[in-house]
């Protein structure tokens, strides 16, 4: 059976699903050539797998965030060490991290998906404001296409004047207008008095103020019960930053942090993750259980790794490793390296 015939068979059945799919996914070939060859003799298998694969990836937007804040850092130590992972459709158009044309005091990657241009998952302003957006995994039937887009939540914080906690308080008033998300806001305009807060609309809890130290976030519906891979990532992160507390070892620190983000080991699925992903297959959830996600048959996986360092004097290093959207699988391993350095403006 040809792929063209397969498409015609499930075209009507999948029509409504296209409402959920970003433009970058609507014209993509879901099955790899090797998958087609293996399944060609099983006539209905291709149709089922194509349809199932689309179901698996609808609005699966995973991100990971771990950071440590040390307000007592000297000029030769790290005040902030932050790592971030963005998992996304491989061919979703994305701009590499740079200072934004419309807001030249802000740096971050940018979503270029038609209709969603200008959104971001992570951004930092020269004044020391950081916004990090993570989506919460939801069963497909709970995701509503008429909800507001979440891509500008971090943008509006870093370009605005509101305090990190006040911004989240105001956002929580209209939290039900969005599909589920977690937003972490930080303000390091005063290095001696860091301000950190987070808010998720997946619960009825108000925004939470966070103390300096190490914090980790993933896609769990419960902030106090992260997925196993997030716990492992926090443990690995803590060990690495303890090894390299001095800026003299910056290169080694960055190398180990990026290496850690390529960890393909799969971790256990807790009941929380199974419940959140009950509309997904266990095989698909197992693939999401790794820190480095690579699901070529779904055209989906880890697209961007970011390391942000701020030393005790306010000097910033913004490192990004990003996979170009034309990459089909992680095996291509064609990643762009991007590095920006500047000083915070107090």
Protein backbone atom coordinates (compact mmCIF):
# COMPACT_ATOMS: atom_id res chain seq x y z
CA UNK A 1 0.00 0.00 0.00
CA UNK A 2 1.42 3.41 -0.93
CA UNK A 3 1.62 6.27 1.50
CA UNK A 4 -0.63 8.31 -0.77
CA UNK A 5 -3.39 5.74 -0.42
CA UNK A 6 -2.89 5.59 3.31
CA UNK A 7 -3.39 9.35 3.54
CA UNK A 8 -6.64 9.17 1.58
CA UNK A 9 -7.99 6.44 3.85
CA UNK A 10 -7.68 8.42 7.05
CA UNK A 11 -7.98 11.90 5.62
CA UNK A 12 -11.58 12.46 6.73
CA UNK A 13 -11.07 10.82 10.10
CA UNK A 14 -8.13 13.06 10.85
CA UNK A 15 -9.65 16.30 9.54
CA UNK A 16 -10.69 17.56 12.96
CA UNK A 17 -7.27 16.71 14.37
CA UNK A 18 -5.68 19.23 12.02
CA UNK A 19 -7.26 21.98 14.10
CA UNK A 20 -4.84 21.01 16.86
CA UNK A 21 -1.76 20.62 14.70
CA UNK A 22 0.71 23.45 14.07
CA UNK A 23 1.39 24.34 10.45
CA UNK A 24 4.82 22.72 10.65
CA UNK A 25 3.20 19.33 11.28
CA UNK A 26 0.33 19.38 8.80
CA UNK A 27 2.43 18.57 5.75
CA UNK A 28 5.05 16.40 7.41
CA UNK A 29 5.62 12.75 6.50
CA UNK A 30 4.96 11.01 9.80
CA UNK A 31 6.49 7.66 8.89
CA UNK A 32 10.16 7.31 8.13
CA UNK A 33 11.15 5.38 4.98
CA UNK A 34 12.43 2.49 7.08
CA UNK A 35 9.10 2.29 8.91
CA UNK A 36 7.19 2.23 5.62
CA UNK A 37 9.34 -0.60 4.27
CA UNK A 38 8.82 -2.66 7.41
CA UNK A 39 5.06 -2.18 7.36
CA UNK A 40 4.31 -2.24 3.63
CA UNK A 41 3.24 -5.87 3.72
CA UNK A 42 0.85 -5.20 6.61
CA UNK A 43 -1.81 -3.27 4.75
CA UNK A 44 -3.72 -1.68 7.59
CA UNK A 45 -0.74 -1.30 9.89
CA UNK A 46 0.50 1.81 8.11
CA UNK A 47 -2.87 3.48 8.36
CA UNK A 48 -3.15 2.69 12.06
CA UNK A 49 0.39 3.75 12.87
CA UNK A 50 0.08 7.03 10.95
CA UNK A 51 -3.15 7.90 12.72
CA UNK A 52 -1.87 6.78 16.11
CA UNK A 53 1.35 8.74 15.72
CA UNK A 54 -0.57 11.94 15.08
CA UNK A 55 -2.67 11.27 18.16
CA UNK A 56 0.47 10.77 20.24
CA UNK A 57 2.07 14.10 19.33
CA UNK A 58 -0.90 16.46 19.46
CA UNK A 59 0.23 19.33 21.66
CA UNK A 60 2.96 17.34 23.40
CA UNK A 61 5.29 20.21 24.27
CA UNK A 62 7.83 19.14 26.85
CA UNK A 63 10.41 21.32 28.56
CA UNK A 64 12.74 20.92 31.52
CA UNK A 65 14.16 23.61 33.76
CA UNK A 66 16.73 23.37 36.56
CA UNK A 67 18.56 26.27 38.17
CA UNK A 68 20.57 27.25 41.23
CA UNK A 69 20.72 30.72 42.75
CA UNK A 70 23.49 31.67 45.18
CA UNK A 71 22.96 35.27 46.40
CA UNK A 72 26.24 35.11 48.34
CA UNK A 73 28.38 34.37 45.29
CA UNK A 74 31.62 36.30 44.97
CA UNK A 75 32.74 37.82 41.67
CA UNK A 76 34.64 34.59 40.97
CA UNK A 77 31.66 32.33 41.62
CA UNK A 78 28.40 31.62 39.87
CA UNK A 79 25.38 33.52 41.08
CA UNK A 80 23.03 31.68 38.73
CA UNK A 81 23.42 28.43 36.84
CA UNK A 82 20.39 27.52 34.74
CA UNK A 83 19.72 24.75 32.23
CA UNK A 84 16.70 24.36 30.00
CA UNK A 85 15.48 21.77 27.50
CA UNK A 86 12.90 22.45 24.83
CA UNK A 87 11.26 19.42 23.20
CA UNK A 88 9.40 20.26 20.03
CA UNK A 89 8.41 19.09 16.55
CA UNK A 90 11.63 18.81 14.55
CA UNK A 91 10.59 21.05 11.68
CA UNK A 92 8.78 23.77 13.65
CA UNK A 93 10.39 27.04 12.47
CA UNK A 94 12.43 28.60 15.26
CA UNK A 95 14.85 31.49 15.50
CA UNK A 96 18.12 30.91 17.32
CA UNK A 97 18.65 32.80 20.56
CA UNK A 98 19.54 36.41 19.88
CA UNK A 99 18.60 39.89 21.03
CA UNK A 100 15.14 40.67 19.71
CA UNK A 101 14.62 43.37 17.09
CA UNK A 102 11.54 44.83 18.76
CA UNK A 103 12.98 44.49 22.26
CA UNK A 104 16.77 44.78 21.92
CA UNK A 105 17.30 44.41 25.67
CA UNK A 106 15.87 40.87 25.63
CA UNK A 107 17.59 37.69 24.46
CA UNK A 108 16.01 34.32 23.78
CA UNK A 109 14.94 31.85 21.13
CA UNK A 110 11.78 32.65 19.23
CA UNK A 111 8.91 30.63 17.79
CA UNK A 112 8.36 31.41 14.09
CA UNK A 113 5.38 29.10 13.61
CA UNK A 114 2.80 30.94 11.43
CA UNK A 115 0.17 32.44 13.71
CA UNK A 116 2.41 32.11 16.76
CA UNK A 117 5.40 34.20 15.68
CA UNK A 118 7.22 35.95 18.48
CA UNK A 119 6.45 33.56 21.31
CA UNK A 120 9.17 31.94 23.40
CA UNK A 121 9.83 29.27 25.99
CA UNK A 122 12.79 31.06 27.63
CA UNK A 123 13.95 34.67 27.63
CA UNK A 124 16.29 36.92 29.61
CA UNK A 125 16.40 40.72 29.76
CA UNK A 126 19.49 42.82 30.39
CA UNK A 127 17.78 44.02 33.57
CA UNK A 128 17.91 40.48 34.94
CA UNK A 129 14.35 39.28 34.32
CA UNK A 130 13.98 35.67 33.22
CA UNK A 131 10.78 33.99 32.08
CA UNK A 132 10.60 30.22 31.51
CA UNK A 133 7.47 28.55 30.15
CA UNK A 134 6.73 24.85 30.52
CA UNK A 135 3.60 23.09 29.35
CA UNK A 136 1.80 20.53 31.48
CA UNK A 137 1.07 17.15 29.89
CA UNK A 138 -2.69 16.69 29.55
CA UNK A 139 -4.89 13.91 28.16
CA UNK A 140 -5.85 14.77 24.59
CA UNK A 141 -9.53 15.14 25.43
CA UNK A 142 -8.74 17.90 27.94
CA UNK A 143 -6.83 20.06 25.45
CA UNK A 144 -9.10 22.72 24.00
CA UNK A 145 -8.13 24.44 20.72
CA UNK A 146 -10.04 27.63 21.55
CA UNK A 147 -7.84 28.46 24.55
CA UNK A 148 -5.40 31.37 24.42
CA UNK A 149 -1.87 30.72 23.17
CA UNK A 150 0.76 30.42 25.90
CA UNK A 151 3.82 31.47 23.89
CA UNK A 152 3.69 35.12 24.96
CA UNK A 153 3.41 34.52 28.70
CA UNK A 154 7.18 34.60 29.20
CA UNK A 155 7.55 37.38 26.62
CA UNK A 156 5.10 39.70 28.34
CA UNK A 157 6.85 39.22 31.65
CA UNK A 158 10.41 39.97 30.52
CA UNK A 159 9.46 43.02 28.42
CA UNK A 160 7.09 44.40 31.04
CA UNK A 161 7.56 46.35 34.24
CA UNK A 162 5.62 44.13 36.65
CA UNK A 163 7.31 42.42 39.57
CA UNK A 164 7.75 38.67 39.04
CA UNK A 165 5.16 37.79 41.70
CA UNK A 166 2.67 40.51 40.74
CA UNK A 167 2.81 39.36 37.12
CA UNK A 168 1.87 35.83 38.15
CA UNK A 169 -0.86 37.05 40.50
CA UNK A 170 -2.49 38.95 37.65
CA UNK A 171 -2.02 36.01 35.29
CA UNK A 172 -3.67 33.62 37.75
CA UNK A 173 -6.91 35.60 37.50
CA UNK A 174 -7.30 34.42 33.91
CA UNK A 175 -5.49 31.10 34.30
CA UNK A 176 -8.46 29.12 33.02
CA UNK A 177 -8.17 30.89 29.66
CA UNK A 178 -5.15 28.71 28.79
CA UNK A 179 -4.42 25.04 28.41
CA UNK A 180 -2.28 23.92 31.32
CA UNK A 181 1.15 25.48 31.80
CA UNK A 182 3.82 26.33 34.36
CA UNK A 183 5.52 29.72 34.28
CA UNK A 184 8.66 30.47 36.29
CA UNK A 185 9.56 34.14 36.67
CA UNK A 186 12.82 35.51 38.07
CA UNK A 187 14.19 38.98 38.76
CA UNK A 188 17.91 39.43 39.38
CA UNK A 189 17.99 43.21 38.98
CA UNK A 190 19.32 43.23 42.54
CA UNK A 191 21.78 40.36 42.93
CA UNK A 192 21.61 40.57 46.72
CA UNK A 193 17.82 40.24 46.76
CA UNK A 194 16.79 37.70 44.10
CA UNK A 195 13.10 37.35 43.37
CA UNK A 196 11.78 34.02 42.08
CA UNK A 197 8.21 32.80 41.68
CA UNK A 198 6.19 30.18 39.83
CA UNK A 199 2.59 29.57 38.92
CA UNK A 200 0.68 26.74 37.29
CA UNK A 201 -2.96 26.78 36.24
CA UNK A 202 -3.11 23.00 36.63
CA UNK A 203 -4.17 23.47 40.26
CA UNK A 204 -6.08 25.99 42.34
CA UNK A 205 -2.94 27.06 44.20
CA UNK A 206 -1.92 30.72 43.95
CA UNK A 207 1.52 31.76 42.67
CA UNK A 208 4.39 30.64 44.89
CA UNK A 209 7.46 32.62 45.96
CA UNK A 210 10.67 30.58 45.85
CA UNK A 211 13.79 30.95 47.97
CA UNK A 212 17.34 30.91 46.56
CA UNK A 213 18.79 27.43 46.09
CA UNK A 214 18.25 24.67 43.55
CA UNK A 215 14.88 24.22 41.86
CA UNK A 216 13.73 21.84 39.14
CA UNK A 217 10.59 21.81 37.00
CA UNK A 218 9.13 19.56 34.35
CA UNK A 219 5.70 18.76 33.00
CA UNK A 220 4.10 17.22 36.07
CA UNK A 221 0.69 18.39 37.18
CA UNK A 222 1.99 18.43 40.77
CA UNK A 223 4.89 20.78 41.53
CA UNK A 224 5.82 18.83 44.66
CA UNK A 225 5.81 15.50 42.82
CA UNK A 226 7.99 15.87 39.68
CA UNK A 227 8.50 13.07 37.18
CA UNK A 228 11.44 10.70 37.85
CA UNK A 229 13.52 12.17 35.01
CA UNK A 230 13.24 15.63 36.58
CA UNK A 231 14.44 14.28 39.92
CA UNK A 232 17.38 12.60 38.18
CA UNK A 233 18.19 15.75 36.26
CA UNK A 234 18.24 17.79 39.47
CA UNK A 235 20.55 15.26 41.10
CA UNK A 236 22.97 15.28 38.16
CA UNK A 237 22.85 19.08 37.96
CA UNK A 238 23.65 19.45 41.67
CA UNK A 239 26.66 17.16 41.35
CA UNK A 240 28.02 19.09 38.36
CA UNK A 241 27.74 22.57 39.89
CA UNK A 242 29.40 21.33 43.08
CA UNK A 243 32.38 20.20 41.00
CA UNK A 244 32.80 23.58 39.34
CA UNK A 245 31.84 26.44 41.70
CA UNK A 246 34.45 28.83 40.27
CA UNK A 247 34.20 30.80 37.03
CA UNK A 248 37.75 29.61 36.33
CA UNK A 249 36.16 26.26 35.41
CA UNK A 250 33.39 27.74 33.27
CA UNK A 251 34.32 25.76 30.17
CA UNK A 252 34.26 22.45 32.02
CA UNK A 253 30.98 23.34 33.71
CA UNK A 254 29.28 24.17 30.43
CA UNK A 255 30.61 21.04 28.71
CA UNK A 256 29.32 18.76 31.46
CA UNK A 257 25.94 20.47 31.63
CA UNK A 258 25.38 20.11 27.88
CA UNK A 259 26.60 16.53 28.05
CA UNK A 260 24.10 15.83 30.80
CA UNK A 261 21.28 17.14 28.62
CA UNK A 262 22.08 14.46 26.03
CA UNK A 263 21.33 11.70 28.53
CA UNK A 264 19.16 9.16 26.66
CA UNK A 265 18.56 6.87 29.63
CA UNK A 266 14.86 6.20 30.22
CA UNK A 267 13.53 6.54 33.73
CA UNK A 268 10.55 4.97 35.41
CA UNK A 269 6.99 6.08 34.73
CA UNK A 270 5.26 7.10 37.92
CA UNK A 271 1.47 7.01 38.29
CA UNK A 272 1.34 10.76 37.93
CA UNK A 273 2.88 10.63 34.45
CA UNK A 274 0.72 7.68 33.42
CA UNK A 275 -2.43 9.51 34.47
CA UNK A 276 -1.45 12.71 32.71
CA UNK A 277 -0.53 10.74 29.59
CA UNK A 278 -3.40 8.27 29.70
CA UNK A 279 -4.30 9.10 26.09
CA UNK A 280 -0.76 8.13 25.00
CA UNK A 281 0.68 4.65 24.60
CA UNK A 282 3.09 3.35 27.24
CA UNK A 283 5.74 3.10 24.54
CA UNK A 284 5.36 6.78 23.76
CA UNK A 285 5.48 7.74 27.45
CA UNK A 286 8.62 5.65 27.91
CA UNK A 287 10.27 7.65 25.15
CA UNK A 288 9.28 10.87 26.93
CA UNK A 289 10.81 9.58 30.16
CA UNK A 290 14.36 10.38 28.99
CA UNK A 291 16.06 13.73 29.53
CA UNK A 292 17.03 13.71 25.84
CA UNK A 293 13.90 12.89 23.85
CA UNK A 294 14.18 11.52 20.32
CA UNK A 295 11.07 10.13 18.60
CA UNK A 296 11.87 10.27 14.86
CA UNK A 297 8.71 8.40 13.85
CA UNK A 298 6.76 11.27 15.41
CA UNK A 299 9.10 13.95 14.00
CA UNK A 300 9.55 15.08 17.61
CA UNK A 301 12.24 15.39 20.23
CA UNK A 302 14.73 17.66 21.98
CA UNK A 303 15.25 20.75 19.83
CA UNK A 304 17.07 23.23 22.04
CA UNK A 305 19.40 23.12 25.06
CA UNK A 306 20.24 26.31 26.93
CA UNK A 307 22.75 27.08 29.68
CA UNK A 308 22.62 30.51 31.34
CA UNK A 309 25.37 31.59 33.73
CA UNK A 310 25.50 34.79 35.79
CA UNK A 311 28.54 35.40 37.97
CA UNK A 312 28.73 37.42 41.17
CA UNK A 313 29.60 40.60 39.27
CA UNK A 314 26.54 40.37 37.00
CA UNK A 315 28.27 39.07 33.87
CA UNK A 316 26.00 36.85 31.78
CA UNK A 317 26.90 33.94 29.51
CA UNK A 318 24.01 32.68 27.40
CA UNK A 319 24.84 29.38 25.66
CA UNK A 320 22.46 27.65 23.28
CA UNK A 321 22.73 24.40 21.35
CA UNK A 322 19.88 24.17 18.87
CA UNK A 323 18.84 21.64 16.26
CA UNK A 324 17.80 23.23 12.93
CA UNK A 325 14.23 22.54 11.89
CA UNK A 326 15.22 20.66 8.73
CA UNK A 327 16.86 17.96 10.87
CA UNK A 328 14.84 14.77 10.72
CA UNK A 329 16.35 12.79 13.60
CA UNK A 330 18.80 13.26 16.41
CA UNK A 331 21.16 10.95 14.58
CA UNK A 332 21.84 13.76 12.12
CA UNK A 333 23.41 15.53 15.10
CA UNK A 334 23.63 18.86 13.26
CA UNK A 335 23.33 21.28 16.13
CA UNK A 336 24.06 25.00 16.07
CA UNK A 337 26.19 26.46 18.87
CA UNK A 338 25.29 29.98 20.00
CA UNK A 339 26.96 32.09 22.70
CA UNK A 340 26.21 35.62 23.90
CA UNK A 341 27.98 37.54 26.67
CA UNK A 342 26.88 40.79 28.32
CA UNK A 343 26.57 42.48 31.70
CA UNK A 344 23.32 42.99 33.58
CA UNK A 345 22.17 46.60 33.70
CA UNK A 346 21.15 47.52 37.23
